[in-house]
N, C-alpha and C. Protein backbone atom coordinates (compact mmCIF):
# COMPACT_ATOMS: atom_id res chain seq x y z
N MET A 1 89.12 -21.57 20.47
CA MET A 1 89.90 -20.37 20.80
C MET A 1 89.33 -19.17 20.05
N ALA A 2 89.16 -18.07 20.77
CA ALA A 2 88.68 -16.83 20.15
C ALA A 2 89.82 -16.18 19.37
N TRP A 3 89.46 -15.60 18.23
CA TRP A 3 90.48 -15.07 17.32
C TRP A 3 89.97 -13.77 16.71
N LEU A 4 90.85 -12.77 16.65
CA LEU A 4 90.50 -11.49 16.04
C LEU A 4 91.60 -11.13 15.05
N PRO A 5 91.43 -11.50 13.77
CA PRO A 5 92.46 -11.22 12.76
C PRO A 5 92.39 -9.78 12.27
N MET A 6 93.56 -9.23 11.91
CA MET A 6 93.65 -7.82 11.52
C MET A 6 94.64 -7.64 10.38
N TYR A 7 94.37 -6.65 9.52
CA TYR A 7 95.37 -6.14 8.60
C TYR A 7 95.83 -4.79 9.14
N LEU A 8 97.15 -4.67 9.37
CA LEU A 8 97.72 -3.48 9.99
C LEU A 8 98.93 -2.98 9.19
N LEU A 9 99.08 -1.67 9.14
CA LEU A 9 100.31 -1.03 8.69
C LEU A 9 100.82 -0.12 9.81
N ASP A 10 101.91 0.58 9.57
CA ASP A 10 102.60 1.33 10.64
C ASP A 10 101.67 2.21 11.47
N ASN A 11 100.89 3.05 10.82
CA ASN A 11 100.02 3.97 11.55
C ASN A 11 98.95 3.24 12.35
N ASP A 12 98.51 2.10 11.84
CA ASP A 12 97.53 1.30 12.56
C ASP A 12 98.13 0.72 13.84
N ILE A 13 99.39 0.34 13.77
CA ILE A 13 100.08 -0.17 14.96
C ILE A 13 100.21 0.93 16.00
N ASP A 14 100.48 2.15 15.56
CA ASP A 14 100.54 3.28 16.50
C ASP A 14 99.22 3.44 17.24
N PHE A 15 98.12 3.36 16.49
CA PHE A 15 96.79 3.49 17.12
C PHE A 15 96.56 2.35 18.11
N LEU A 16 96.81 1.11 17.67
CA LEU A 16 96.56 -0.04 18.52
C LEU A 16 97.42 -0.01 19.77
N ASN A 17 98.67 0.37 19.61
CA ASN A 17 99.60 0.47 20.73
C ASN A 17 99.10 1.50 21.75
N ASP A 18 98.66 2.65 21.25
CA ASP A 18 98.16 3.70 22.14
C ASP A 18 96.90 3.23 22.86
N TRP A 19 96.02 2.52 22.14
CA TRP A 19 94.79 2.02 22.76
C TRP A 19 95.11 1.04 23.88
N LEU A 20 96.04 0.13 23.65
CA LEU A 20 96.42 -0.84 24.67
C LEU A 20 97.10 -0.16 25.85
N ASN A 21 97.96 0.82 25.57
CA ASN A 21 98.65 1.54 26.65
C ASN A 21 97.68 2.29 27.56
N GLN A 22 96.56 2.70 27.01
CA GLN A 22 95.59 3.45 27.80
C GLN A 22 94.59 2.56 28.52
N GLU A 23 94.62 1.26 28.23
CA GLU A 23 93.69 0.33 28.86
C GLU A 23 94.20 -0.06 30.25
N ASP A 24 93.49 0.36 31.28
CA ASP A 24 93.90 0.07 32.65
C ASP A 24 93.93 -1.43 32.95
N GLU A 25 93.14 -2.21 32.20
CA GLU A 25 93.03 -3.63 32.50
C GLU A 25 94.11 -4.48 31.83
N ILE A 26 94.94 -3.89 30.98
CA ILE A 26 95.90 -4.66 30.20
C ILE A 26 97.34 -4.27 30.54
N ALA A 27 98.21 -5.30 30.63
CA ALA A 27 99.64 -5.06 30.80
C ALA A 27 100.40 -5.94 29.80
N PHE A 28 101.45 -5.38 29.22
CA PHE A 28 102.36 -6.15 28.38
C PHE A 28 103.28 -6.97 29.28
N LEU A 29 103.49 -8.23 28.94
CA LEU A 29 104.46 -9.06 29.65
C LEU A 29 105.70 -9.16 28.76
N VAL A 30 106.76 -8.47 29.16
CA VAL A 30 107.91 -8.32 28.27
C VAL A 30 109.17 -8.91 28.90
N SER A 31 110.12 -9.21 28.05
CA SER A 31 111.35 -9.86 28.50
C SER A 31 112.22 -8.91 29.32
N GLY A 32 112.77 -9.46 30.41
CA GLY A 32 113.74 -8.73 31.21
C GLY A 32 115.07 -9.45 31.23
N GLY A 33 115.28 -10.35 30.26
CA GLY A 33 116.47 -11.18 30.20
C GLY A 33 116.08 -12.63 30.08
N HIS A 34 117.06 -13.51 30.01
CA HIS A 34 116.82 -14.93 29.82
C HIS A 34 115.92 -15.49 30.92
N LYS A 35 114.74 -15.99 30.54
CA LYS A 35 113.74 -16.56 31.45
C LYS A 35 113.15 -15.55 32.42
N LYS A 36 113.43 -14.27 32.21
CA LYS A 36 112.92 -13.23 33.11
C LYS A 36 111.86 -12.40 32.39
N TRP A 37 110.78 -12.08 33.12
CA TRP A 37 109.66 -11.34 32.55
C TRP A 37 109.17 -10.29 33.52
N ILE A 38 108.54 -9.27 32.98
CA ILE A 38 108.00 -8.21 33.83
C ILE A 38 106.76 -7.62 33.16
N ALA A 39 105.79 -7.24 33.98
CA ALA A 39 104.57 -6.61 33.47
C ALA A 39 104.81 -5.11 33.34
N GLN A 40 104.41 -4.55 32.21
CA GLN A 40 104.54 -3.12 31.97
C GLN A 40 103.21 -2.56 31.47
N LYS A 41 102.79 -1.46 32.08
CA LYS A 41 101.54 -0.84 31.65
C LYS A 41 101.71 -0.14 30.31
N GLN A 42 102.88 0.44 30.07
CA GLN A 42 103.16 1.14 28.81
C GLN A 42 104.28 0.41 28.09
N HIS A 43 104.11 0.20 26.79
CA HIS A 43 105.16 -0.46 26.03
C HIS A 43 105.12 0.01 24.58
N ASN A 44 106.28 -0.02 23.93
CA ASN A 44 106.42 0.42 22.54
C ASN A 44 106.55 -0.80 21.63
N ILE A 45 105.47 -1.13 20.94
CA ILE A 45 105.46 -2.31 20.07
C ILE A 45 106.49 -2.19 18.96
N LYS A 46 106.56 -1.03 18.32
CA LYS A 46 107.45 -0.87 17.17
C LYS A 46 108.91 -1.12 17.52
N ALA A 47 109.28 -0.85 18.76
CA ALA A 47 110.68 -1.07 19.17
C ALA A 47 111.03 -2.55 19.17
N ASP A 48 110.03 -3.42 19.24
CA ASP A 48 110.27 -4.87 19.30
C ASP A 48 110.18 -5.55 17.94
N ILE A 49 109.59 -4.87 16.95
CA ILE A 49 109.35 -5.52 15.67
C ILE A 49 110.68 -5.88 15.00
N GLY A 50 110.87 -7.14 14.75
CA GLY A 50 112.10 -7.63 14.13
C GLY A 50 113.28 -7.76 15.07
N THR A 51 113.07 -7.55 16.39
CA THR A 51 114.19 -7.60 17.33
C THR A 51 114.03 -8.67 18.42
N GLN A 52 112.86 -9.25 18.55
CA GLN A 52 112.64 -10.24 19.61
C GLN A 52 113.41 -11.53 19.29
N LYS A 53 114.36 -11.86 20.13
CA LYS A 53 115.24 -13.00 19.88
C LYS A 53 114.67 -14.28 20.47
N PHE A 54 114.89 -15.39 19.79
CA PHE A 54 114.48 -16.69 20.31
C PHE A 54 115.39 -17.76 19.73
N GLY A 55 115.13 -19.01 20.05
CA GLY A 55 116.00 -20.10 19.63
C GLY A 55 116.92 -20.52 20.75
N ASP A 56 117.64 -21.60 20.55
CA ASP A 56 118.50 -22.14 21.61
C ASP A 56 119.49 -21.11 22.13
N GLY A 57 120.09 -20.37 21.20
CA GLY A 57 121.06 -19.36 21.61
C GLY A 57 120.46 -17.97 21.73
N HIS A 58 119.13 -17.87 21.57
CA HIS A 58 118.43 -16.59 21.61
C HIS A 58 119.10 -15.57 20.69
N ASP A 59 119.39 -16.03 19.48
CA ASP A 59 120.10 -15.17 18.55
C ASP A 59 119.40 -15.06 17.20
N PHE A 60 118.10 -15.43 17.16
CA PHE A 60 117.37 -15.40 15.91
C PHE A 60 116.11 -14.56 16.08
N ALA A 61 115.81 -13.71 15.12
CA ALA A 61 114.61 -12.88 15.16
C ALA A 61 113.92 -12.94 13.80
N ILE A 62 112.60 -12.80 13.80
CA ILE A 62 111.83 -12.79 12.56
C ILE A 62 111.65 -11.34 12.10
N PRO A 63 112.05 -11.01 10.89
CA PRO A 63 111.89 -9.63 10.41
C PRO A 63 110.42 -9.22 10.38
N ASN A 64 110.16 -7.96 10.70
CA ASN A 64 108.82 -7.37 10.61
C ASN A 64 107.78 -8.09 11.45
N TYR A 65 108.21 -8.64 12.57
CA TYR A 65 107.31 -9.46 13.39
C TYR A 65 107.56 -9.20 14.87
N ALA A 66 106.48 -9.21 15.65
CA ALA A 66 106.59 -9.18 17.11
C ALA A 66 105.37 -9.88 17.69
N GLU A 67 105.53 -10.42 18.89
CA GLU A 67 104.38 -11.04 19.55
C GLU A 67 104.47 -10.85 21.06
N TYR A 68 103.30 -10.90 21.70
CA TYR A 68 103.21 -10.65 23.14
C TYR A 68 102.16 -11.54 23.78
N ASN A 69 102.37 -11.82 25.06
CA ASN A 69 101.29 -12.24 25.93
C ASN A 69 100.87 -11.00 26.71
N LEU A 70 99.60 -10.67 26.63
CA LEU A 70 99.03 -9.54 27.36
C LEU A 70 98.26 -10.06 28.56
N TRP A 71 98.55 -9.54 29.72
CA TRP A 71 97.88 -9.96 30.95
C TRP A 71 96.64 -9.11 31.17
N HIS A 72 95.48 -9.76 31.30
CA HIS A 72 94.28 -9.04 31.71
C HIS A 72 94.30 -8.99 33.23
N VAL A 73 94.69 -7.85 33.76
CA VAL A 73 95.02 -7.71 35.18
C VAL A 73 93.88 -8.13 36.11
N PRO A 74 92.61 -7.76 35.83
CA PRO A 74 91.54 -8.17 36.74
C PRO A 74 91.30 -9.68 36.81
N SER A 75 91.89 -10.45 35.90
CA SER A 75 91.69 -11.90 35.92
C SER A 75 92.38 -12.56 37.10
N GLY A 76 93.32 -11.86 37.74
CA GLY A 76 93.99 -12.41 38.91
C GLY A 76 95.44 -12.78 38.65
N GLN A 77 96.03 -13.46 39.62
CA GLN A 77 97.45 -13.80 39.56
C GLN A 77 97.78 -14.72 38.40
N LEU A 78 99.01 -14.57 37.92
CA LEU A 78 99.51 -15.43 36.86
C LEU A 78 100.16 -16.68 37.47
N PRO A 79 100.03 -17.84 36.82
CA PRO A 79 100.65 -19.05 37.36
C PRO A 79 102.17 -19.05 37.14
N LEU A 80 102.88 -19.62 38.10
CA LEU A 80 104.32 -19.86 37.96
C LEU A 80 104.49 -21.37 37.93
N LEU A 81 104.66 -21.91 36.72
CA LEU A 81 104.66 -23.36 36.56
C LEU A 81 105.92 -23.97 37.15
N ASP A 82 105.72 -25.06 37.89
CA ASP A 82 106.85 -25.76 38.50
C ASP A 82 107.64 -26.52 37.46
N ALA A 83 108.88 -26.88 37.81
CA ALA A 83 109.71 -27.67 36.92
C ALA A 83 109.02 -28.99 36.58
N ASN A 84 109.07 -29.36 35.32
CA ASN A 84 108.36 -30.54 34.84
C ASN A 84 109.37 -31.67 34.65
N LYS A 85 109.63 -32.40 35.71
CA LYS A 85 110.67 -33.44 35.66
C LYS A 85 110.13 -34.80 35.22
N ASP A 86 108.86 -35.03 35.47
CA ASP A 86 108.30 -36.36 35.25
C ASP A 86 107.24 -36.38 34.17
N GLY A 87 107.35 -35.46 33.23
CA GLY A 87 106.35 -35.42 32.17
C GLY A 87 105.18 -34.54 32.56
N VAL A 88 104.31 -34.29 31.62
CA VAL A 88 103.17 -33.41 31.85
C VAL A 88 102.08 -34.17 32.58
N LYS A 89 101.64 -33.64 33.70
CA LYS A 89 100.53 -34.24 34.42
C LYS A 89 99.23 -33.70 33.85
N ILE A 90 98.32 -34.60 33.47
CA ILE A 90 97.03 -34.17 32.96
C ILE A 90 96.20 -33.63 34.12
N LYS A 91 95.63 -32.45 33.94
CA LYS A 91 94.86 -31.80 34.99
C LYS A 91 93.37 -32.08 34.74
N PHE A 92 92.79 -32.95 35.58
CA PHE A 92 91.42 -33.37 35.37
C PHE A 92 90.43 -32.46 36.10
N GLY A 93 90.80 -31.94 37.23
CA GLY A 93 89.85 -31.16 38.02
C GLY A 93 90.44 -29.84 38.47
N LYS A 94 89.58 -28.99 39.01
CA LYS A 94 90.00 -27.66 39.43
C LYS A 94 91.12 -27.72 40.46
N GLU A 95 91.05 -28.76 41.33
CA GLU A 95 92.07 -28.86 42.38
C GLU A 95 93.46 -29.08 41.80
N ASP A 96 93.55 -29.69 40.63
CA ASP A 96 94.86 -29.94 40.03
C ASP A 96 95.53 -28.65 39.56
N TRP A 97 94.71 -27.65 39.22
CA TRP A 97 95.28 -26.40 38.71
C TRP A 97 95.91 -25.57 39.82
N GLY A 98 95.62 -25.93 41.06
CA GLY A 98 96.19 -25.17 42.17
C GLY A 98 97.56 -25.65 42.60
N GLU A 99 98.09 -26.68 41.94
CA GLU A 99 99.34 -27.25 42.38
C GLU A 99 100.54 -26.36 42.06
N ASP A 100 100.48 -25.64 40.95
CA ASP A 100 101.59 -24.76 40.59
C ASP A 100 101.56 -23.50 41.44
N GLY A 101 102.70 -22.80 41.46
CA GLY A 101 102.79 -21.58 42.22
C GLY A 101 102.16 -20.40 41.49
N LYS A 102 102.30 -19.22 42.06
CA LYS A 102 101.80 -17.99 41.46
C LYS A 102 102.94 -16.98 41.35
N VAL A 103 102.87 -16.17 40.31
CA VAL A 103 103.83 -15.07 40.18
C VAL A 103 103.49 -14.06 41.28
N GLU A 104 104.43 -13.81 42.15
CA GLU A 104 104.16 -12.99 43.33
C GLU A 104 103.75 -11.57 42.97
N ASN A 105 104.57 -10.92 42.14
CA ASN A 105 104.27 -9.54 41.74
C ASN A 105 104.78 -9.33 40.32
N PRO A 106 103.92 -9.47 39.30
CA PRO A 106 104.37 -9.33 37.91
C PRO A 106 105.00 -7.97 37.62
N TRP A 107 104.59 -6.93 38.36
CA TRP A 107 105.12 -5.58 38.11
C TRP A 107 106.57 -5.44 38.54
N LEU A 108 107.01 -6.34 39.44
CA LEU A 108 108.41 -6.34 39.86
C LEU A 108 109.23 -7.37 39.10
N GLY A 109 108.55 -8.21 38.32
CA GLY A 109 109.24 -9.20 37.50
C GLY A 109 109.34 -10.56 38.17
N TRP A 110 109.61 -11.58 37.37
CA TRP A 110 109.76 -12.93 37.88
C TRP A 110 110.65 -13.74 36.93
N THR A 111 111.15 -14.85 37.42
CA THR A 111 111.95 -15.78 36.63
C THR A 111 111.16 -17.07 36.43
N GLU A 112 111.05 -17.49 35.18
CA GLU A 112 110.33 -18.73 34.89
C GLU A 112 111.08 -19.94 35.44
N ILE A 113 110.32 -20.91 35.93
CA ILE A 113 110.90 -22.19 36.32
C ILE A 113 110.75 -23.18 35.17
N ARG A 114 109.55 -23.26 34.63
CA ARG A 114 109.31 -24.08 33.44
C ARG A 114 109.06 -23.16 32.26
N THR A 115 109.83 -23.32 31.21
CA THR A 115 109.70 -22.46 30.04
C THR A 115 109.06 -23.21 28.88
N GLY A 116 108.49 -22.45 27.96
CA GLY A 116 107.89 -23.04 26.77
C GLY A 116 108.85 -23.03 25.61
N ALA A 117 108.40 -23.54 24.48
CA ALA A 117 109.25 -23.61 23.30
C ALA A 117 109.48 -22.25 22.67
N ASN A 118 108.57 -21.31 22.90
CA ASN A 118 108.67 -19.98 22.30
C ASN A 118 109.22 -19.01 23.33
N SER A 119 110.49 -18.65 23.21
CA SER A 119 111.13 -17.80 24.20
C SER A 119 110.83 -16.31 24.02
N ARG A 120 109.98 -15.97 23.03
CA ARG A 120 109.59 -14.56 22.88
C ARG A 120 108.50 -14.16 23.87
N ILE A 121 107.80 -15.14 24.43
CA ILE A 121 106.68 -14.85 25.33
C ILE A 121 106.78 -15.74 26.56
N PRO A 122 106.27 -15.27 27.71
CA PRO A 122 106.28 -16.11 28.91
C PRO A 122 105.33 -17.28 28.76
N TYR A 123 105.63 -18.36 29.47
CA TYR A 123 104.89 -19.61 29.33
C TYR A 123 103.99 -19.83 30.54
N PHE A 124 102.70 -20.07 30.28
CA PHE A 124 101.74 -20.33 31.34
C PHE A 124 100.98 -21.64 31.11
N GLY A 125 101.55 -22.52 30.32
CA GLY A 125 100.89 -23.77 30.03
C GLY A 125 100.17 -23.73 28.69
N ALA A 126 99.29 -24.71 28.48
CA ALA A 126 98.62 -24.84 27.19
C ALA A 126 97.74 -23.66 26.84
N GLY A 127 97.24 -22.97 27.83
CA GLY A 127 96.41 -21.80 27.58
C GLY A 127 95.86 -21.26 28.88
N HIS A 128 96.23 -20.03 29.23
CA HIS A 128 95.76 -19.42 30.47
C HIS A 128 94.69 -18.40 30.13
N PRO A 129 93.49 -18.49 30.71
CA PRO A 129 92.38 -17.62 30.30
C PRO A 129 92.54 -16.16 30.69
N GLY A 130 93.55 -15.84 31.49
CA GLY A 130 93.80 -14.45 31.84
C GLY A 130 94.81 -13.78 30.93
N VAL A 131 95.24 -14.49 29.89
CA VAL A 131 96.27 -13.98 28.99
C VAL A 131 95.74 -13.94 27.56
N ILE A 132 95.95 -12.82 26.89
CA ILE A 132 95.56 -12.65 25.49
C ILE A 132 96.83 -12.52 24.66
N HIS A 133 96.89 -13.27 23.57
CA HIS A 133 98.08 -13.28 22.72
C HIS A 133 97.91 -12.26 21.59
N LEU A 134 98.95 -11.49 21.34
CA LEU A 134 98.96 -10.52 20.24
C LEU A 134 100.12 -10.83 19.32
N GLU A 135 99.83 -10.95 18.03
CA GLU A 135 100.84 -11.23 17.02
C GLU A 135 100.80 -10.11 15.97
N ILE A 136 101.93 -9.45 15.77
CA ILE A 136 102.05 -8.34 14.82
C ILE A 136 102.86 -8.79 13.62
N ASN A 137 102.29 -8.66 12.43
CA ASN A 137 102.97 -9.01 11.18
C ASN A 137 102.96 -7.81 10.24
N LEU A 138 104.10 -7.25 9.97
CA LEU A 138 104.20 -6.19 8.97
C LEU A 138 104.67 -6.78 7.64
N PRO A 139 104.41 -6.11 6.53
CA PRO A 139 104.76 -6.68 5.22
C PRO A 139 106.26 -6.91 5.04
N HIS A 140 106.59 -8.04 4.38
CA HIS A 140 107.94 -8.28 3.90
C HIS A 140 108.11 -7.66 2.51
N ASP A 141 106.98 -7.57 1.81
CA ASP A 141 106.99 -7.07 0.43
C ASP A 141 105.69 -6.30 0.21
N GLN A 142 105.10 -6.41 -0.95
CA GLN A 142 103.89 -5.64 -1.26
C GLN A 142 102.68 -6.13 -0.47
N GLU A 143 102.61 -7.41 -0.20
CA GLU A 143 101.43 -7.98 0.45
C GLU A 143 101.33 -7.58 1.92
N ILE A 144 100.14 -7.12 2.32
CA ILE A 144 99.88 -6.81 3.73
C ILE A 144 99.59 -8.12 4.45
N ARG A 145 100.35 -8.41 5.48
CA ARG A 145 100.22 -9.66 6.20
C ARG A 145 99.14 -9.55 7.29
N MET A 146 98.75 -10.69 7.81
CA MET A 146 97.68 -10.75 8.81
C MET A 146 98.24 -10.78 10.22
N SER A 147 97.83 -9.83 11.05
CA SER A 147 98.12 -9.83 12.48
C SER A 147 96.89 -10.38 13.21
N ASN A 148 97.01 -10.59 14.52
CA ASN A 148 95.83 -11.11 15.22
C ASN A 148 95.96 -11.05 16.73
N PHE A 149 94.81 -11.00 17.38
CA PHE A 149 94.68 -11.29 18.81
C PHE A 149 94.13 -12.72 18.92
N GLY A 150 94.62 -13.47 19.89
CA GLY A 150 94.09 -14.80 20.16
C GLY A 150 93.87 -14.98 21.65
N TRP A 151 92.82 -15.73 22.00
CA TRP A 151 92.48 -15.92 23.41
C TRP A 151 91.88 -17.30 23.60
N ILE A 152 92.34 -18.02 24.61
CA ILE A 152 91.87 -19.38 24.85
C ILE A 152 90.42 -19.40 25.32
N GLY A 153 89.96 -18.29 25.90
CA GLY A 153 88.57 -18.18 26.33
C GLY A 153 88.18 -19.24 27.35
N ASN A 154 87.07 -19.91 27.10
CA ASN A 154 86.56 -20.92 28.03
C ASN A 154 86.79 -22.34 27.54
N HIS A 155 87.85 -22.51 26.75
CA HIS A 155 88.14 -23.84 26.20
C HIS A 155 88.32 -24.88 27.31
N TYR A 156 88.89 -24.46 28.46
CA TYR A 156 89.16 -25.40 29.54
C TYR A 156 88.17 -25.27 30.70
N ARG A 157 87.03 -24.63 30.46
CA ARG A 157 86.05 -24.47 31.54
C ARG A 157 85.58 -25.82 32.08
N ILE A 158 85.46 -26.82 31.20
CA ILE A 158 84.95 -28.13 31.59
C ILE A 158 85.83 -28.80 32.66
N ILE A 159 87.10 -28.43 32.72
CA ILE A 159 87.99 -29.00 33.74
C ILE A 159 88.32 -27.96 34.81
N GLY A 160 87.46 -26.94 34.92
CA GLY A 160 87.58 -26.00 36.03
C GLY A 160 88.52 -24.85 35.82
N ASN A 161 88.90 -24.56 34.57
CA ASN A 161 89.82 -23.45 34.33
C ASN A 161 89.19 -22.47 33.32
N GLY A 162 87.99 -22.03 33.63
CA GLY A 162 87.30 -21.10 32.75
C GLY A 162 87.79 -19.68 32.91
N ALA A 163 87.37 -18.83 31.99
CA ALA A 163 87.78 -17.44 32.00
C ALA A 163 87.03 -16.65 33.06
N ASN A 164 87.71 -15.67 33.62
CA ASN A 164 87.08 -14.72 34.52
C ASN A 164 86.05 -13.91 33.72
N GLU A 165 84.92 -13.62 34.34
CA GLU A 165 83.87 -12.87 33.64
C GLU A 165 84.38 -11.52 33.14
N SER A 166 85.28 -10.90 33.91
CA SER A 166 85.82 -9.60 33.50
C SER A 166 86.66 -9.72 32.23
N THR A 167 87.33 -10.86 32.04
CA THR A 167 88.14 -11.06 30.84
C THR A 167 87.23 -11.29 29.64
N GLU A 168 86.13 -12.01 29.84
CA GLU A 168 85.14 -12.16 28.77
C GLU A 168 84.62 -10.80 28.33
N LYS A 169 84.35 -9.93 29.28
CA LYS A 169 83.86 -8.58 28.95
C LYS A 169 84.92 -7.77 28.21
N PHE A 170 86.18 -7.94 28.63
CA PHE A 170 87.24 -7.19 27.95
C PHE A 170 87.39 -7.68 26.51
N TRP A 171 87.30 -8.99 26.28
CA TRP A 171 87.39 -9.50 24.90
C TRP A 171 86.28 -8.89 24.04
N GLY A 172 85.10 -8.76 24.62
CA GLY A 172 84.02 -8.10 23.91
C GLY A 172 84.33 -6.64 23.61
N LYS A 173 84.96 -5.96 24.54
CA LYS A 173 85.36 -4.57 24.34
C LYS A 173 86.39 -4.46 23.22
N LEU A 174 87.33 -5.40 23.19
CA LEU A 174 88.35 -5.43 22.15
C LEU A 174 87.72 -5.59 20.77
N LYS A 175 86.75 -6.49 20.67
CA LYS A 175 86.05 -6.70 19.39
C LYS A 175 85.25 -5.46 18.99
N ARG A 176 84.63 -4.80 19.97
CA ARG A 176 83.86 -3.58 19.65
C ARG A 176 84.76 -2.48 19.14
N MET A 177 85.96 -2.36 19.73
CA MET A 177 86.92 -1.38 19.24
C MET A 177 87.28 -1.65 17.79
N ALA A 178 87.56 -2.92 17.46
CA ALA A 178 87.92 -3.27 16.09
C ALA A 178 86.78 -2.97 15.13
N LYS A 179 85.55 -3.29 15.53
CA LYS A 179 84.40 -3.03 14.66
C LYS A 179 84.19 -1.55 14.42
N LYS A 180 84.49 -0.73 15.44
CA LYS A 180 84.30 0.71 15.32
C LYS A 180 85.37 1.36 14.47
N VAL A 181 86.62 0.93 14.63
CA VAL A 181 87.75 1.60 13.99
C VAL A 181 88.06 1.02 12.61
N ALA A 182 87.94 -0.29 12.47
CA ALA A 182 88.38 -0.98 11.25
C ALA A 182 87.20 -1.33 10.35
N THR A 183 87.53 -1.81 9.15
CA THR A 183 86.53 -2.26 8.19
C THR A 183 86.62 -3.78 8.07
N HIS A 184 85.49 -4.45 8.23
CA HIS A 184 85.45 -5.91 8.20
C HIS A 184 85.44 -6.38 6.75
N ILE A 185 86.47 -7.11 6.34
CA ILE A 185 86.58 -7.54 4.94
C ILE A 185 86.94 -9.03 4.88
N PRO A 186 86.75 -9.67 3.74
CA PRO A 186 87.17 -11.07 3.59
C PRO A 186 88.69 -11.20 3.54
N ARG A 187 89.17 -12.40 3.81
CA ARG A 187 90.60 -12.68 3.62
C ARG A 187 90.98 -12.39 2.18
N SER A 188 92.16 -11.82 2.00
CA SER A 188 92.67 -11.47 0.67
C SER A 188 91.73 -10.54 -0.09
N ASN A 189 90.79 -9.90 0.64
CA ASN A 189 89.82 -9.00 0.03
C ASN A 189 89.05 -9.67 -1.10
N ASP A 190 88.78 -10.95 -0.93
CA ASP A 190 88.01 -11.72 -1.92
C ASP A 190 86.59 -11.14 -2.01
N PRO A 191 86.16 -10.69 -3.17
CA PRO A 191 84.86 -10.02 -3.28
C PRO A 191 83.67 -10.90 -2.93
N ILE A 192 83.83 -12.21 -2.95
CA ILE A 192 82.72 -13.10 -2.61
C ILE A 192 82.99 -13.89 -1.32
N GLY A 193 84.07 -13.56 -0.64
CA GLY A 193 84.43 -14.27 0.57
C GLY A 193 83.69 -13.77 1.79
N LYS A 194 83.72 -14.57 2.85
CA LYS A 194 83.12 -14.20 4.14
C LYS A 194 83.97 -13.12 4.81
N LYS A 195 83.32 -12.12 5.40
CA LYS A 195 84.05 -11.06 6.10
C LYS A 195 84.61 -11.61 7.40
N GLU A 196 85.95 -11.66 7.48
CA GLU A 196 86.61 -12.25 8.65
C GLU A 196 87.66 -11.35 9.28
N VAL A 197 88.29 -10.47 8.49
CA VAL A 197 89.47 -9.74 8.96
C VAL A 197 89.14 -8.26 9.11
N PHE A 198 89.66 -7.67 10.20
CA PHE A 198 89.46 -6.25 10.44
C PHE A 198 90.64 -5.47 9.84
N ALA A 199 90.36 -4.73 8.78
CA ALA A 199 91.39 -3.92 8.13
C ALA A 199 91.36 -2.53 8.77
N PHE A 200 92.42 -2.19 9.51
CA PHE A 200 92.49 -0.89 10.16
C PHE A 200 92.73 0.20 9.11
N PRO A 201 92.45 1.47 9.45
CA PRO A 201 92.31 2.51 8.42
C PRO A 201 93.43 2.63 7.39
N THR A 202 94.69 2.67 7.82
CA THR A 202 95.78 2.83 6.85
C THR A 202 95.87 1.62 5.93
N ALA A 203 95.77 0.44 6.51
CA ALA A 203 95.82 -0.78 5.70
C ALA A 203 94.63 -0.84 4.75
N TYR A 204 93.46 -0.44 5.23
CA TYR A 204 92.26 -0.52 4.38
C TYR A 204 92.36 0.42 3.18
N GLU A 205 92.91 1.60 3.38
CA GLU A 205 93.08 2.52 2.26
C GLU A 205 93.99 1.92 1.19
N GLU A 206 95.06 1.27 1.63
CA GLU A 206 95.97 0.61 0.69
C GLU A 206 95.27 -0.55 -0.03
N ILE A 207 94.48 -1.31 0.71
CA ILE A 207 93.77 -2.44 0.11
C ILE A 207 92.74 -1.95 -0.90
N LYS A 208 92.03 -0.87 -0.56
CA LYS A 208 91.06 -0.30 -1.50
C LYS A 208 91.73 0.14 -2.80
N ASN A 209 93.00 0.57 -2.67
CA ASN A 209 93.74 1.02 -3.84
C ASN A 209 94.43 -0.11 -4.59
N GLY A 210 94.12 -1.35 -4.19
CA GLY A 210 94.60 -2.50 -4.94
C GLY A 210 95.77 -3.25 -4.35
N ARG A 211 96.24 -2.84 -3.18
CA ARG A 211 97.37 -3.56 -2.57
C ARG A 211 96.90 -4.92 -2.08
N PRO A 212 97.62 -6.00 -2.36
CA PRO A 212 97.18 -7.34 -1.94
C PRO A 212 97.32 -7.52 -0.43
N CYS A 213 96.50 -8.40 0.11
CA CYS A 213 96.58 -8.74 1.53
C CYS A 213 96.50 -10.26 1.68
N SER A 214 97.09 -10.76 2.73
CA SER A 214 97.35 -12.21 2.83
C SER A 214 96.09 -13.01 3.13
N LEU A 215 96.13 -14.27 2.75
CA LEU A 215 95.03 -15.19 3.01
C LEU A 215 95.10 -15.75 4.42
N ASN A 216 96.32 -15.96 4.91
CA ASN A 216 96.54 -16.57 6.24
C ASN A 216 97.60 -15.77 7.00
N PRO A 217 97.66 -15.97 8.33
CA PRO A 217 98.70 -15.28 9.12
C PRO A 217 100.10 -15.66 8.67
C-alpha cells in the first residue's frame, strides 16, 4: 500500500483542504446520514475534526481527528457491495469483481447495502484502487501527531483489480505537491533517522523550534 505521512497543524490543513478542493479529479465522500454517502467537490475538513461519529450507536467521536475516503473521479464508478449473507467470497479473477453493483450517481448520493466496521467512511471492500484514504490527526497535547494519505495502489492487480493509470498519475501529483510544499524529515525528527514524513510549513516551523512530533500515526 502506498503511504504519504505528514505532520500538519491548523494552517497546513487549510492549505491541504484548499488544494484538494481545487483538484478537479478529487471528490470527498461524506456522510449524508446513517449508511448514506454523497460525493462533494468542495468540503470543509476542519468542520469534521472531532465530530465524525461512529460506533454501534454512532455516538462516539475521536477528538482532534477526521478521516475520509477520497474518490479519484477519473478512475470510474464506485462499487456498491451487495449484502454479504453467506460470508466473504474470495475473488480470484477479474470476472468476480463484476458481481457487485455500482453506485449510480455519487453526486446525488447513495445508501450502502454492505457496510464496513468503520462508519466514518464508506465501505468499498478490502481496498478499492479508485479511492484514496486521508487521515487527519491534530495534537492532543504538545506533540504534533502524524496524518497521512493511504492508497491501495496495485496491490490487487494480480487478480484483475489494478489501479487506473490516471489514478497512478494523480498519486504521483500528490507526492510532488508534498515534496514542493513540505520538508521531508525523519519520524520524530530523529537527526539520524531516514527521511519519511512530510512536515508542512507551519508544523515544520514548530518542529524546528523544538516541538516534538510523533513516531507513529
